[in-house]
C-alpha atoms as a PDB file:
ATOM      1  CA  MET A   1       0.010   0.112  -0.407  1.00  0.00           C
ATOM      2  CA  VAL A   2       1.913   3.700  -0.860  1.00  0.00           C
ATOM      3  CA  ILE A   3      -0.028   7.051  -0.048  1.00  0.00           C
ATOM      4  CA  VAL A   4       1.596  10.369  -0.423  1.00  0.00           C
ATOM      5  CA  ALA A   5       1.256  13.022   1.077  1.00  0.00           C
ATOM      6  CA  SER A   6       2.447  16.439   0.097  1.00  0.00           C
ATOM      7  CA  LYS A   7       3.805  18.906   3.443  1.00  0.00           C
ATOM      8  CA  GLY A   8       1.166  21.114   3.155  1.00  0.00           C
ATOM      9  CA  GLY A   9       1.096  21.106  -1.109  1.00  0.00           C
ATOM     10  CA  VAL A  10      -1.815  21.714  -2.729  1.00  0.00           C
ATOM     11  CA  GLY A  11      -4.805  20.812  -0.614  1.00  0.00           C
ATOM     12  CA  ALA A  12      -3.413  19.046   2.148  1.00  0.00           C
ATOM     13  CA  HIS A  13      -2.599  20.630   5.453  1.00  0.00           C
ATOM     14  CA  PRO A  14       0.301  20.405   6.254  1.00  0.00           C
ATOM     15  CA  ALA A  15       0.122  18.016   9.570  1.00  0.00           C
ATOM     16  CA  ARG A  16      -1.729  15.211   8.234  1.00  0.00           C
ATOM     17  CA  PHE A  17       1.501  14.141   6.563  1.00  0.00           C
ATOM     18  CA  HIS A  18       3.324  15.089  10.587  1.00  0.00           C
ATOM     19  CA  ASN A  19       0.735  13.244  12.085  1.00  0.00           C
ATOM     20  CA  LEU A  20       0.907  10.155  10.395  1.00  0.00           C
ATOM     21  CA  MET A  21       4.513   9.739  10.379  1.00  0.00           C
ATOM     22  CA  ALA A  22       4.776  10.223  14.199  1.00  0.00           C
ATOM     23  CA  MET A  23       2.417   7.403  14.758  1.00  0.00           C
ATOM     24  CA  GLU A  24       3.705   4.442  14.757  1.00  0.00           C
ATOM     25  CA  THR A  25       0.685   2.529  13.900  1.00  0.00           C
ATOM     26  CA  THR A  26      -2.197   4.025  12.080  1.00  0.00           C
ATOM     27  CA  GLU A  27      -5.134   1.397  11.143  1.00  0.00           C
ATOM     28  CA  VAL A  28      -6.355   2.137   7.836  1.00  0.00           C
ATOM     29  CA  GLU A  29      -9.728   0.660   5.971  1.00  0.00           C
ATOM     30  CA  LEU A  30      -9.179  -0.653   2.426  1.00  0.00           C
ATOM     31  CA  PRO A  31     -11.779  -1.230  -0.471  1.00  0.00           C
ATOM     32  CA  GLY A  32     -14.747  -3.401   0.719  1.00  0.00           C
ATOM     33  CA  GLY A  33     -15.045  -1.781   4.173  1.00  0.00           C
ATOM     34  CA  GLU A  34     -12.175  -4.628   5.787  1.00  0.00           C
ATOM     35  CA  ARG A  35      -9.777  -2.918   7.835  1.00  0.00           C
ATOM     36  CA  ARG A  36      -6.108  -2.565   8.658  1.00  0.00           C
ATOM     37  CA  ARG A  37      -3.647  -1.946  10.657  1.00  0.00           C
ATOM     38  CA  VAL A  38       0.110  -0.570   9.088  1.00  0.00           C
ATOM     39  CA  ARG A  39       3.165   0.990   9.859  1.00  0.00           C
ATOM     40  CA  PRO A  40       4.447   4.169   7.388  1.00  0.00           C
ATOM     41  CA  ARG A  41       7.698   4.418   6.308  1.00  0.00           C
ATOM     42  CA  LEU A  42       9.033   7.186   3.481  1.00  0.00           C
ATOM     43  CA  ALA A  43       9.946   5.260   0.499  1.00  0.00           C
ATOM     44  CA  GLU A  44      13.843   7.059  -0.095  1.00  0.00           C
ATOM     45  CA  GLY A  45      15.547   6.336  -3.060  1.00  0.00           C
ATOM     46  CA  GLU A  46      15.160   3.975  -6.271  1.00  0.00           C
ATOM     47  CA  GLU A  47      11.458   2.337  -3.804  1.00  0.00           C
ATOM     48  CA  ARG A  48      10.584   6.328  -4.434  1.00  0.00           C
ATOM     49  CA  ALA A  49      11.123   6.591  -8.082  1.00  0.00           C
ATOM     50  CA  ALA A  50       9.582   3.229  -8.553  1.00  0.00           C
ATOM     51  CA  LEU A  51       6.607   4.208  -6.766  1.00  0.00           C
ATOM     52  CA  TRP A  52       6.602   7.924  -8.080  1.00  0.00           C
ATOM     53  CA  GLY A  53       5.397   5.875 -11.433  1.00  0.00           C
ATOM     54  CA  ARG A  54       3.174   3.989 -10.232  1.00  0.00           C
ATOM     55  CA  LEU A  55       1.308   6.970  -9.158  1.00  0.00           C
ATOM     56  CA  VAL A  56       1.787   9.609 -11.197  1.00  0.00           C
ATOM     57  CA  ALA A  57      -0.268   6.782 -13.023  1.00  0.00           C
ATOM     58  CA  MET A  58      -2.942   7.041 -10.822  1.00  0.00           C
ATOM     59  CA  TYR A  59      -3.042  10.438  -9.594  1.00  0.00           C
ATOM     60  CA  LYS A  60      -2.173  13.490 -12.821  1.00  0.00           C
ATOM     61  CA  PRO A  61      -1.959  16.231 -10.543  1.00  0.00           C
ATOM     62  CA  TYR A  62       1.366  15.147  -8.189  1.00  0.00           C
ATOM     63  CA  ALA A  63       3.628  15.075 -11.633  1.00  0.00           C
ATOM     64  CA  ASP A  64       2.356  19.022 -12.509  1.00  0.00           C
ATOM     65  CA  TYR A  65       3.022  19.798  -8.766  1.00  0.00           C
ATOM     66  CA  ALA A  66       5.947  18.374  -9.209  1.00  0.00           C
ATOM     67  CA  THR A  67       6.814  20.066 -12.004  1.00  0.00           C
ATOM     68  CA  TYR A  68       6.843  23.976 -10.047  1.00  0.00           C
ATOM     69  CA  THR A  69       8.067  23.614  -6.580  1.00  0.00           C
ATOM     70  CA  GLU A  70      11.611  22.605  -6.374  1.00  0.00           C
ATOM     71  CA  ARG A  71      10.372  20.571  -3.376  1.00  0.00           C
ATOM     72  CA  GLN A  72      10.220  16.538  -3.537  1.00  0.00           C
ATOM     73  CA  ILE A  73       7.198  15.317  -3.288  1.00  0.00           C
ATOM     74  CA  PRO A  74       7.763  12.432   0.336  1.00  0.00           C
ATOM     75  CA  VAL A  75       6.165   8.926  -1.112  1.00  0.00           C
ATOM     76  CA  VAL A  76       5.092   7.651   2.719  1.00  0.00           C
ATOM     77  CA  VAL A  77       4.913   3.117   1.877  1.00  0.00           C
ATOM     78  CA  LEU A  78       2.366   1.700   5.079  1.00  0.00           C
ATOM     79  CA  GLU A  79       3.751  -1.946   4.976  1.00  0.00           C
ATOM     80  CA  PRO A  80       1.316  -4.526   7.761  1.00  0.00           C
ATOM     81  CA  ALA A  81       2.290  -4.304  11.031  1.00  0.00           C
ATOM     82  CA  SER A  82       1.964  -7.259  13.752  1.00  0.00           C
ATOM     83  CA  GLU A  83      -0.310  -6.694  16.277  1.00  0.00           C
END
């Protein structure tokens, strides 16, 4: 599972990113209503590059946003958390 948080970019409050990254684990709702505990972490390097392309394919405004900011939009990976 992957999400992007823009640290206060277009339409997102900076606290959303900081609050997510401050949590050791959190719960997300998957399609169909299933809930799962996950652990957030930042993707970096080659992993980030690979995921970025997939995210832009699903949500085109991220590509546009990235062209007019020097700030790198973080890619947050949500990994299953052991209970």
